[in-house]
PDB file of N, CA and C in Angstrom:
ATOM      1  N   TYR A   1      -3.995  13.929  41.900  1.00  0.00           N
ATOM      2  CA  TYR A   1      -2.795  13.911  41.028  1.00  0.00           C
ATOM      3  C   TYR A   1      -2.933  13.186  39.715  1.00  0.00           C
ATOM      4  N   ARG A   2      -3.494  11.903  39.853  1.00  0.00           N
ATOM      5  CA  ARG A   2      -3.772  11.200  38.581  1.00  0.00           C
ATOM      6  C   ARG A   2      -4.912  10.289  38.755  1.00  0.00           C
ATOM      7  N   TYR A   3      -5.477   9.838  37.734  1.00  0.00           N
ATOM      8  CA  TYR A   3      -6.687   8.915  37.768  1.00  0.00           C
ATOM      9  C   TYR A   3      -6.366   7.473  37.532  1.00  0.00           C
ATOM     10  N   ASN A   4      -5.035   7.203  37.184  1.00  0.00           N
ATOM     11  CA  ASN A   4      -4.581   5.764  36.903  1.00  0.00           C
ATOM     12  C   ASN A   4      -5.420   5.213  35.728  1.00  0.00           C
ATOM     13  N   GLU A   5      -5.552   6.073  34.638  1.00  0.00           N
ATOM     14  CA  GLU A   5      -6.372   5.731  33.468  1.00  0.00           C
ATOM     15  C   GLU A   5      -5.598   6.273  32.265  1.00  0.00           C
ATOM     16  N   THR A   6      -5.550   5.477  31.166  1.00  0.00           N
ATOM     17  CA  THR A   6      -4.821   5.810  30.023  1.00  0.00           C
ATOM     18  C   THR A   6      -5.768   6.798  29.190  1.00  0.00           C
ATOM     19  N   ILE A   7      -5.165   8.015  29.160  1.00  0.00           N
ATOM     20  CA  ILE A   7      -5.993   9.053  28.454  1.00  0.00           C
ATOM     21  C   ILE A   7      -5.054  10.214  27.944  1.00  0.00           C
ATOM     22  N   VAL A   8      -5.408  10.832  26.829  1.00  0.00           N
ATOM     23  CA  VAL A   8      -4.748  12.007  26.297  1.00  0.00           C
ATOM     24  C   VAL A   8      -5.915  13.098  26.024  1.00  0.00           C
ATOM     25  N   LYS A   9      -5.734  14.215  26.477  1.00  0.00           N
ATOM     26  CA  LYS A   9      -6.811  15.262  26.241  1.00  0.00           C
ATOM     27  C   LYS A   9      -6.121  16.618  25.679  1.00  0.00           C
ATOM     28  N   ILE A  10      -6.816  17.348  24.921  1.00  0.00           N
ATOM     29  CA  ILE A  10      -6.387  18.620  24.327  1.00  0.00           C
ATOM     30  C   ILE A  10      -7.351  19.668  24.765  1.00  0.00           C
ATOM     31  N   LEU A  11      -6.761  20.729  25.255  1.00  0.00           N
ATOM     32  CA  LEU A  11      -7.572  21.962  25.557  1.00  0.00           C
ATOM     33  C   LEU A  11      -6.977  23.091  24.712  1.00  0.00           C
ATOM     34  N   TYR A  12      -7.853  23.783  23.973  1.00  0.00           N
ATOM     35  CA  TYR A  12      -7.360  24.979  23.207  1.00  0.00           C
ATOM     36  C   TYR A  12      -7.267  26.177  24.135  1.00  0.00           C
ATOM     37  N   GLN A  13      -6.035  26.636  24.278  1.00  0.00           N
ATOM     38  CA  GLN A  13      -5.827  27.777  25.286  1.00  0.00           C
ATOM     39  C   GLN A  13      -5.967  29.093  24.599  1.00  0.00           C
ATOM     40  N   THR A  14      -5.322  29.246  23.452  1.00  0.00           N
ATOM     41  CA  THR A  14      -5.387  30.366  22.570  1.00  0.00           C
ATOM     42  C   THR A  14      -5.569  29.802  21.126  1.00  0.00           C
ATOM     43  N   PRO A  15      -5.725  30.702  20.138  1.00  0.00           N
ATOM     44  CA  PRO A  15      -5.776  30.269  18.772  1.00  0.00           C
ATOM     45  C   PRO A  15      -4.435  29.488  18.353  1.00  0.00           C
ATOM     46  N   ASN A  16      -3.281  29.913  18.991  1.00  0.00           N
ATOM     47  CA  ASN A  16      -2.050  29.116  18.554  1.00  0.00           C
ATOM     48  C   ASN A  16      -1.466  28.410  19.714  1.00  0.00           C
ATOM     49  N   THR A  17      -2.135  28.117  20.726  1.00  0.00           N
ATOM     50  CA  THR A  17      -1.635  27.332  21.902  1.00  0.00           C
ATOM     51  C   THR A  17      -2.555  26.231  22.225  1.00  0.00           C
ATOM     52  N   LEU A  18      -2.045  25.002  22.333  1.00  0.00           N
ATOM     53  CA  LEU A  18      -2.835  23.892  22.690  1.00  0.00           C
ATOM     54  C   LEU A  18      -2.203  23.380  24.052  1.00  0.00           C
ATOM     55  N   PHE A  19      -3.094  23.043  25.024  1.00  0.00           N
ATOM     56  CA  PHE A  19      -2.628  22.387  26.212  1.00  0.00           C
ATOM     57  C   PHE A  19      -2.936  20.987  26.200  1.00  0.00           C
ATOM     58  N   VAL A  20      -2.021  20.035  26.341  1.00  0.00           N
ATOM     59  CA  VAL A  20      -2.234  18.626  26.275  1.00  0.00           C
ATOM     60  C   VAL A  20      -1.842  18.002  27.580  1.00  0.00           C
ATOM     61  N   TYR A  21      -2.725  17.129  28.086  1.00  0.00           N
ATOM     62  CA  TYR A  21      -2.463  16.505  29.366  1.00  0.00           C
ATOM     63  C   TYR A  21      -2.771  15.042  29.224  1.00  0.00           C
ATOM     64  N   TRP A  22      -2.118  14.155  29.863  1.00  0.00           N
ATOM     65  CA  TRP A  22      -2.225  12.715  29.712  1.00  0.00           C
ATOM     66  C   TRP A  22      -1.904  11.928  31.016  1.00  0.00           C
ATOM     67  N   ASP A  23      -2.291  10.681  30.959  1.00  0.00           N
ATOM     68  CA  ASP A  23      -1.918   9.718  31.996  1.00  0.00           C
ATOM     69  C   ASP A  23      -1.856   8.395  31.302  1.00  0.00           C
ATOM     70  N   ILE A  24      -0.985   7.481  31.869  1.00  0.00           N
ATOM     71  CA  ILE A  24      -0.917   6.097  31.386  1.00  0.00           C
ATOM     72  C   ILE A  24      -1.303   5.179  32.678  1.00  0.00           C
ATOM     73  N   ALA A  25      -2.213   4.388  32.536  1.00  0.00           N
ATOM     74  CA  ALA A  25      -2.649   3.524  33.636  1.00  0.00           C
ATOM     75  C   ALA A  25      -1.423   2.616  33.982  1.00  0.00           C
ATOM     76  N   ASP A  26      -1.350   2.333  35.245  1.00  0.00           N
ATOM     77  CA  ASP A  26      -0.294   1.382  35.681  1.00  0.00           C
ATOM     78  C   ASP A  26      -0.403   0.041  34.967  1.00  0.00           C
ATOM     79  N   SER A  27      -1.575  -0.497  34.802  1.00  0.00           N
ATOM     80  CA  SER A  27      -1.807  -1.838  34.087  1.00  0.00           C
ATOM     81  C   SER A  27      -1.206  -1.718  32.698  1.00  0.00           C
ATOM     82  N   ASP A  28      -1.371  -0.549  31.999  1.00  0.00           N
ATOM     83  CA  ASP A  28      -0.800  -0.409  30.654  1.00  0.00           C
ATOM     84  C   ASP A  28       0.653  -0.339  30.649  1.00  0.00           C
ATOM     85  N   ARG A  29       1.136   0.326  31.655  1.00  0.00           N
ATOM     86  CA  ARG A  29       2.634   0.405  31.790  1.00  0.00           C
ATOM     87  C   ARG A  29       3.254  -1.112  31.918  1.00  0.00           C
ATOM     88  N   GLU A  30       2.562  -1.845  32.810  1.00  0.00           N
ATOM     89  CA  GLU A  30       3.023  -3.179  33.033  1.00  0.00           C
ATOM     90  C   GLU A  30       2.815  -4.065  31.778  1.00  0.00           C
ATOM     91  N   ASN A  31       1.784  -3.820  30.978  1.00  0.00           N
ATOM     92  CA  ASN A  31       1.565  -4.556  29.738  1.00  0.00           C
ATOM     93  C   ASN A  31       2.732  -4.230  28.666  1.00  0.00           C
ATOM     94  N   TYR A  32       3.147  -2.956  28.579  1.00  0.00           N
ATOM     95  CA  TYR A  32       4.299  -2.568  27.727  1.00  0.00           C
ATOM     96  C   TYR A  32       5.476  -3.261  28.161  1.00  0.00           C
ATOM     97  N   ILE A  33       5.749  -3.391  29.452  1.00  0.00           N
ATOM     98  CA  ILE A  33       6.977  -4.064  29.953  1.00  0.00           C
ATOM     99  C   ILE A  33       6.926  -5.522  29.581  1.00  0.00           C
ATOM    100  N   LYS A  34       5.820  -6.204  29.824  1.00  0.00           N
ATOM    101  CA  LYS A  34       5.542  -7.625  29.494  1.00  0.00           C
ATOM    102  C   LYS A  34       5.661  -7.824  27.942  1.00  0.00           C
ATOM    103  N   GLN A  35       5.228  -6.902  27.184  1.00  0.00           N
ATOM    104  CA  GLN A  35       5.277  -7.093  25.705  1.00  0.00           C
ATOM    105  C   GLN A  35       6.588  -6.775  25.173  1.00  0.00           C
ATOM    106  N   TYR A  36       7.346  -5.665  25.661  1.00  0.00           N
ATOM    107  CA  TYR A  36       8.502  -5.208  25.032  1.00  0.00           C
ATOM    108  C   TYR A  36       9.867  -5.340  25.887  1.00  0.00           C
ATOM    109  N   GLY A  37       9.674  -5.807  27.059  1.00  0.00           N
ATOM    110  CA  GLY A  37      10.768  -6.107  27.940  1.00  0.00           C
ATOM    111  C   GLY A  37      10.963  -5.103  29.065  1.00  0.00           C
ATOM    112  N   GLU A  38      11.750  -5.546  30.066  1.00  0.00           N
ATOM    113  CA  GLU A  38      11.906  -4.870  31.271  1.00  0.00           C
ATOM    114  C   GLU A  38      12.468  -3.465  31.067  1.00  0.00           C
ATOM    115  N   ASN A  39      13.328  -3.179  30.158  1.00  0.00           N
ATOM    116  CA  ASN A  39      13.904  -1.985  29.814  1.00  0.00           C
ATOM    117  C   ASN A  39      13.207  -1.052  28.842  1.00  0.00           C
ATOM    118  N   PHE A  40      11.956  -1.343  28.514  1.00  0.00           N
ATOM    119  CA  PHE A  40      11.215  -0.640  27.496  1.00  0.00           C
ATOM    120  C   PHE A  40      11.206   0.811  27.823  1.00  0.00           C
ATOM    121  N   PHE A  41      10.985   1.329  28.996  1.00  0.00           N
ATOM    122  CA  PHE A  41      10.900   2.678  29.373  1.00  0.00           C
ATOM    123  C   PHE A  41      12.222   3.362  29.479  1.00  0.00           C
ATOM    124  N   ASN A  42      13.265   2.539  29.655  1.00  0.00           N
ATOM    125  CA  ASN A  42      14.720   3.056  29.670  1.00  0.00           C
ATOM    126  C   ASN A  42      15.207   3.199  28.248  1.00  0.00           C
ATOM    127  N   ASN A  43      14.772   2.386  27.302  1.00  0.00           N
ATOM    128  CA  ASN A  43      15.264   2.325  25.903  1.00  0.00           C
ATOM    129  C   ASN A  43      14.407   3.196  24.975  1.00  0.00           C
ATOM    130  N   THR A  44      13.407   3.821  25.498  1.00  0.00           N
ATOM    131  CA  THR A  44      12.511   4.738  24.629  1.00  0.00           C
ATOM    132  C   THR A  44      12.388   6.036  25.170  1.00  0.00           C
ATOM    133  N   ARG A  45      11.965   6.975  24.421  1.00  0.00           N
ATOM    134  CA  ARG A  45      11.628   8.325  24.906  1.00  0.00           C
ATOM    135  C   ARG A  45      10.232   8.680  24.451  1.00  0.00           C
ATOM    136  N   PRO A  46       9.571   9.521  25.266  1.00  0.00           N
ATOM    137  CA  PRO A  46       8.193   9.905  24.904  1.00  0.00           C
ATOM    138  C   PRO A  46       8.159  11.055  23.878  1.00  0.00           C
ATOM    139  N   VAL A  47       7.187  10.991  22.984  1.00  0.00           N
ATOM    140  CA  VAL A  47       6.985  12.004  22.052  1.00  0.00           C
ATOM    141  C   VAL A  47       5.387  12.258  21.952  1.00  0.00           C
ATOM    142  N   LEU A  48       5.052  13.428  21.618  1.00  0.00           N
ATOM    143  CA  LEU A  48       3.651  13.792  21.297  1.00  0.00           C
ATOM    144  C   LEU A  48       3.598  13.929  19.769  1.00  0.00           C
ATOM    145  N   LYS A  49       2.819  13.052  19.154  1.00  0.00           N
ATOM    146  CA  LYS A  49       2.626  13.150  17.655  1.00  0.00           C
ATOM    147  C   LYS A  49       1.424  14.083  17.437  1.00  0.00           C
ATOM    148  N   VAL A  50       1.435  15.203  16.767  1.00  0.00           N
ATOM    149  CA  VAL A  50       0.404  16.169  16.632  1.00  0.00           C
ATOM    150  C   VAL A  50       0.008  16.064  15.110  1.00  0.00           C
ATOM    151  N   TYR A  51      -1.353  15.820  14.994  1.00  0.00           N
ATOM    152  CA  TYR A  51      -1.931  15.713  13.653  1.00  0.00           C
ATOM    153  C   TYR A  51      -2.856  16.916  13.465  1.00  0.00           C
ATOM    154  N   ASN A  52      -2.526  17.673  12.394  1.00  0.00           N
ATOM    155  CA  ASN A  52      -3.496  18.764  11.907  1.00  0.00           C
ATOM    156  C   ASN A  52      -4.411  18.027  10.908  1.00  0.00           C
ATOM    157  N   LEU A  53      -5.579  17.841  11.317  1.00  0.00           N
ATOM    158  CA  LEU A  53      -6.562  16.986  10.569  1.00  0.00           C
ATOM    159  C   LEU A  53      -7.162  17.916   9.433  1.00  0.00           C
ATOM    160  N   THR A  54      -7.163  19.164   9.648  1.00  0.00           N
ATOM    161  CA  THR A  54      -7.693  20.159   8.650  1.00  0.00           C
ATOM    162  C   THR A  54      -6.697  20.278   7.513  1.00  0.00           C
ATOM    163  N   LYS A  55      -5.442  20.447   7.752  1.00  0.00           N
ATOM    164  CA  LYS A  55      -4.466  20.659   6.575  1.00  0.00           C
ATOM    165  C   LYS A  55      -3.653  19.355   6.333  1.00  0.00           C
ATOM    166  N   ASP A  56      -4.013  18.342   6.928  1.00  0.00           N
ATOM    167  CA  ASP A  56      -3.464  16.964   6.649  1.00  0.00           C
ATOM    168  C   ASP A  56      -1.889  16.999   6.718  1.00  0.00           C
ATOM    169  N   TYR A  57      -1.384  17.369   7.972  1.00  0.00           N
ATOM    170  CA  TYR A  57       0.061  17.157   8.172  1.00  0.00           C
ATOM    171  C   TYR A  57       0.243  16.837   9.611  1.00  0.00           C
ATOM    172  N   SER A  58       1.376  16.312  10.032  1.00  0.00           N
ATOM    173  CA  SER A  58       1.678  16.045  11.380  1.00  0.00           C
ATOM    174  C   SER A  58       3.105  16.321  11.716  1.00  0.00           C
ATOM    175  N   PHE A  59       3.388  16.402  13.008  1.00  0.00           N
ATOM    176  CA  PHE A  59       4.779  16.641  13.511  1.00  0.00           C
ATOM    177  C   PHE A  59       4.847  16.107  14.929  1.00  0.00           C
ATOM    178  N   GLU A  60       6.156  15.880  15.389  1.00  0.00           N
ATOM    179  CA  GLU A  60       6.305  15.265  16.576  1.00  0.00           C
ATOM    180  C   GLU A  60       7.038  16.289  17.606  1.00  0.00           C
ATOM    181  N   VAL A  61       6.745  16.280  18.917  1.00  0.00           N
ATOM    182  CA  VAL A  61       7.301  17.075  19.839  1.00  0.00           C
ATOM    183  C   VAL A  61       7.925  16.112  20.918  1.00  0.00           C
ATOM    184  N   GLU A  62       9.324  16.314  21.163  1.00  0.00           N
ATOM    185  CA  GLU A  62       9.924  15.497  22.198  1.00  0.00           C
ATOM    186  C   GLU A  62       9.582  16.011  23.559  1.00  0.00           C
ATOM    187  N   ILE A  63       9.226  15.184  24.442  1.00  0.00           N
ATOM    188  CA  ILE A  63       8.930  15.646  25.808  1.00  0.00           C
ATOM    189  C   ILE A  63       9.689  14.749  26.722  1.00  0.00           C
ATOM    190  N   ASN A  64       9.522  14.924  28.000  1.00  0.00           N
ATOM    191  CA  ASN A  64      10.265  14.039  28.938  1.00  0.00           C
ATOM    192  C   ASN A  64       9.407  13.094  29.763  1.00  0.00           C
ATOM    193  N   ASP A  65       9.971  12.119  30.368  1.00  0.00           N
ATOM    194  CA  ASP A  65       9.238  11.169  31.141  1.00  0.00           C
ATOM    195  C   ASP A  65       8.566  11.669  32.478  1.00  0.00           C
ATOM    196  N   PHE A  66       9.079  12.793  32.846  1.00  0.00           N
ATOM    197  CA  PHE A  66       8.522  13.432  34.028  1.00  0.00           C
ATOM    198  C   PHE A  66       7.292  14.222  33.874  1.00  0.00           C
ATOM    199  N   ALA A  67       6.975  14.578  32.693  1.00  0.00           N
ATOM    200  CA  ALA A  67       5.806  15.431  32.329  1.00  0.00           C
ATOM    201  C   ALA A  67       4.564  14.684  32.209  1.00  0.00           C
ATOM    202  N   ASN A  68       3.424  15.299  32.593  1.00  0.00           N
ATOM    203  CA  ASN A  68       2.129  14.723  32.293  1.00  0.00           C
ATOM    204  C   ASN A  68       1.188  15.821  31.621  1.00  0.00           C
ATOM    205  N   SER A  69       1.820  16.883  31.176  1.00  0.00           N
ATOM    206  CA  SER A  69       1.185  17.905  30.428  1.00  0.00           C
ATOM    207  C   SER A  69       2.231  18.678  29.642  1.00  0.00           C
ATOM    208  N   TRP A  70       1.727  19.378  28.555  1.00  0.00           N
ATOM    209  CA  TRP A  70       2.633  20.097  27.645  1.00  0.00           C
ATOM    210  C   TRP A  70       1.843  21.206  26.921  1.00  0.00           C
ATOM    211  N   TYR A  71       2.495  22.371  26.748  1.00  0.00           N
ATOM    212  CA  TYR A  71       1.896  23.463  25.940  1.00  0.00           C
ATOM    213  C   TYR A  71       2.474  23.215  24.624  1.00  0.00           C
ATOM    214  N   LEU A  72       1.628  23.207  23.585  1.00  0.00           N
ATOM    215  CA  LEU A  72       2.019  23.160  22.105  1.00  0.00           C
ATOM    216  C   LEU A  72       1.784  24.367  21.459  1.00  0.00           C
ATOM    217  N   HIS A  73       2.705  25.018  20.869  1.00  0.00           N
ATOM    218  CA  HIS A  73       2.535  26.263  20.043  1.00  0.00           C
ATOM    219  C   HIS A  73       2.397  25.837  18.579  1.00  0.00           C
ATOM    220  N   ILE A  74       1.268  26.233  18.023  1.00  0.00           N
ATOM    221  CA  ILE A  74       0.888  25.721  16.680  1.00  0.00           C
ATOM    222  C   ILE A  74       0.907  26.930  15.715  1.00  0.00           C
ATOM    223  N   ASN A  75       1.103  26.707  14.428  1.00  0.00           N
ATOM    224  CA  ASN A  75       1.248  27.853  13.444  1.00  0.00           C
ATOM    225  C   ASN A  75      -0.269  28.042  12.898  1.00  0.00           C
ATOM    226  N   ASP A  76      -1.103  26.961  12.785  1.00  0.00           N
ATOM    227  CA  ASP A  76      -2.363  27.064  12.103  1.00  0.00           C
ATOM    228  C   ASP A  76      -3.387  27.063  13.067  1.00  0.00           C
ATOM    229  N   ALA A  77      -4.079  28.247  13.201  1.00  0.00           N
ATOM    230  CA  ALA A  77      -5.252  28.330  14.103  1.00  0.00           C
ATOM    231  C   ALA A  77      -6.510  27.886  13.292  1.00  0.00           C
ATOM    232  N   ASN A  78      -7.579  27.763  13.986  1.00  0.00           N
ATOM    233  CA  ASN A  78      -8.847  27.361  13.385  1.00  0.00           C
ATOM    234  C   ASN A  78      -8.739  26.067  12.555  1.00  0.00           C
ATOM    235  N   CYS A  79      -7.983  25.172  13.175  1.00  0.00           N
ATOM    236  CA  CYS A  79      -7.910  23.810  12.590  1.00  0.00           C
ATOM    237  C   CYS A  79      -8.253  22.739  13.606  1.00  0.00           C
ATOM    238  N   GLU A  80      -8.534  21.509  13.194  1.00  0.00           N
ATOM    239  CA  GLU A  80      -8.859  20.464  14.144  1.00  0.00           C
ATOM    240  C   GLU A  80      -7.597  19.697  14.328  1.00  0.00           C
ATOM    241  N   TYR A  81      -7.180  19.388  15.556  1.00  0.00           N
ATOM    242  CA  TYR A  81      -5.973  18.650  15.912  1.00  0.00           C
ATOM    243  C   TYR A  81      -6.335  17.398  16.592  1.00  0.00           C
ATOM    244  N   LYS A  82      -5.401  16.430  16.472  1.00  0.00           N
ATOM    245  CA  LYS A  82      -5.369  15.120  17.222  1.00  0.00           C
ATOM    246  C   LYS A  82      -4.044  15.001  17.799  1.00  0.00           C
ATOM    247  N   VAL A  83      -3.877  14.458  19.026  1.00  0.00           N
ATOM    248  CA  VAL A  83      -2.604  14.247  19.606  1.00  0.00           C
ATOM    249  C   VAL A  83      -2.490  12.903  20.125  1.00  0.00           C
ATOM    250  N   GLU A  84      -1.306  12.139  19.911  1.00  0.00           N
ATOM    251  CA  GLU A  84      -1.154  10.864  20.373  1.00  0.00           C
ATOM    252  C   GLU A  84       0.158  10.902  21.225  1.00  0.00           C
ATOM    253  N   LEU A  85       0.087  10.207  22.323  1.00  0.00           N
ATOM    254  CA  LEU A  85       1.382   9.995  23.073  1.00  0.00           C
ATOM    255  C   LEU A  85       2.012   8.756  22.656  1.00  0.00           C
ATOM    256  N   LYS A  86       3.270   8.827  22.273  1.00  0.00           N
ATOM    257  CA  LYS A  86       3.975   7.686  21.630  1.00  0.00           C
ATOM    258  C   LYS A  86       5.338   7.492  22.454  1.00  0.00           C
ATOM    259  N   ARG A  87       5.973   6.483  22.108  1.00  0.00           N
ATOM    260  CA  ARG A  87       7.343   6.215  22.602  1.00  0.00           C
ATOM    261  C   ARG A  87       8.182   5.797  21.367  1.00  0.00           C
ATOM    262  N   LYS A  88       9.374   6.401  21.238  1.00  0.00           N
ATOM    263  CA  LYS A  88      10.272   6.026  20.205  1.00  0.00           C
ATOM    264  C   LYS A  88      11.644   5.435  20.771  1.00  0.00           C
ATOM    265  N   PHE A  89      12.139   4.389  20.136  1.00  0.00           N
ATOM    266  CA  PHE A  89      13.314   3.788  20.613  1.00  0.00           C
ATOM    267  C   PHE A  89      14.488   4.806  20.524  1.00  0.00           C
ATOM    268  N   ILE A  90      15.255   4.817  21.503  1.00  0.00           N
ATOM    269  CA  ILE A  90      16.541   5.660  21.459  1.00  0.00           C
ATOM    270  C   ILE A  90      17.570   4.999  20.566  1.00  0.00           C
ATOM    271  N   VAL A  91      18.069   5.668  19.621  1.00  0.00           N
ATOM    272  CA  VAL A  91      19.058   5.210  18.716  1.00  0.00           C
ATOM    273  C   VAL A  91      20.356   5.727  19.065  1.00  0.00           C
ATOM    274  N   ILE A  92      21.347   4.881  19.306  1.00  0.00           N
ATOM    275  CA  ILE A  92      22.772   5.299  19.583  1.00  0.00           C
ATOM    276  C   ILE A  92      23.575   5.153  18.373  1.00  0.00           C
ATOM    277  N   SER A  93      24.132   6.128  17.836  1.00  0.00           N
ATOM    278  CA  SER A  93      25.057   5.941  16.696  1.00  0.00           C
ATOM    279  C   SER A  93      26.458   5.657  17.160  1.00  0.00           C
ATOM    280  N   CYS A  94      27.234   5.153  16.181  1.00  0.00           N
ATOM    281  CA  CYS A  94      28.701   4.945  16.547  1.00  0.00           C
ATOM    282  C   CYS A  94      29.453   6.215  16.945  1.00  0.00           C
ATOM    283  N   GLN A  95      28.989   7.353  16.462  1.00  0.00           N
ATOM    284  CA  GLN A  95      29.619   8.616  16.878  1.00  0.00           C
ATOM    285  C   GLN A  95      29.389   8.943  18.345  1.00  0.00           C
ATOM    286  N   ASP A  96      28.332   8.499  18.923  1.00  0.00           N
ATOM    287  CA  ASP A  96      27.988   8.722  20.225  1.00  0.00           C
ATOM    288  C   ASP A  96      28.874   7.933  21.201  1.00  0.00           C
ATOM    289  N   MET A  97      29.543   6.963  20.736  1.00  0.00           N
ATOM    290  CA  MET A  97      30.381   6.057  21.556  1.00  0.00           C
ATOM    291  C   MET A  97      31.753   6.517  21.731  1.00  0.00           C
TER     292      MET A  97
END
């Protein structure tokens, strides 16, 4: 099911579809909690940041905490891509209250 190792990999499925899979080691999860606090994973949401290295642009895709893989549909085939798994803090506006 998992290797307990922090890793992000990209597989090219079709010219316009990337399959991305990842894992975060338990030790890295613990380090995030030590560094950012006990509620780090509750106060943030995961995103994939996709970099098109050939055409020099990037975009983010919101994902959920239960996923360990994602299909990305891209517009530019025949390009080199890099993907990072990131977390963004959840911002609550006054309108949400």
